[in-house]
Amino acid sequence: MRQVARRRPVLLPALLMLAAGCAQQAAAPRINLSGFPPAFKQGYAEGCESAGSRSMRRDENRYQTDFDYMQGWNDGYSICAKRK
């Protein structure tokens, strides 16, 4: 019984990590965005997500002031809208 008690502290964190991996997250783009700035990648992901939903996900202030975010959002929306 002592061996079971020793394994229990390891088993619980492992199960929690497994459950966290199954949590629903924003859809990652299925395109290679390596080499693009983080603002572009975030804009792309949000634009792509908006293309497949009834509500638009976009940071309006950032869209107006951050060229990389705006370009990523536009690209993500137009590319994903064609796929859906």
Foldseek 3Di string as FASTA:
>chain_A
DVVVVVCVVVVVVVVVVVVVVPDDDQDQDPDDPPPADPLLRVLLSQLLSQLPDPDRDDDVVCCVPPPSSVVSNVVNNVVNNVVD
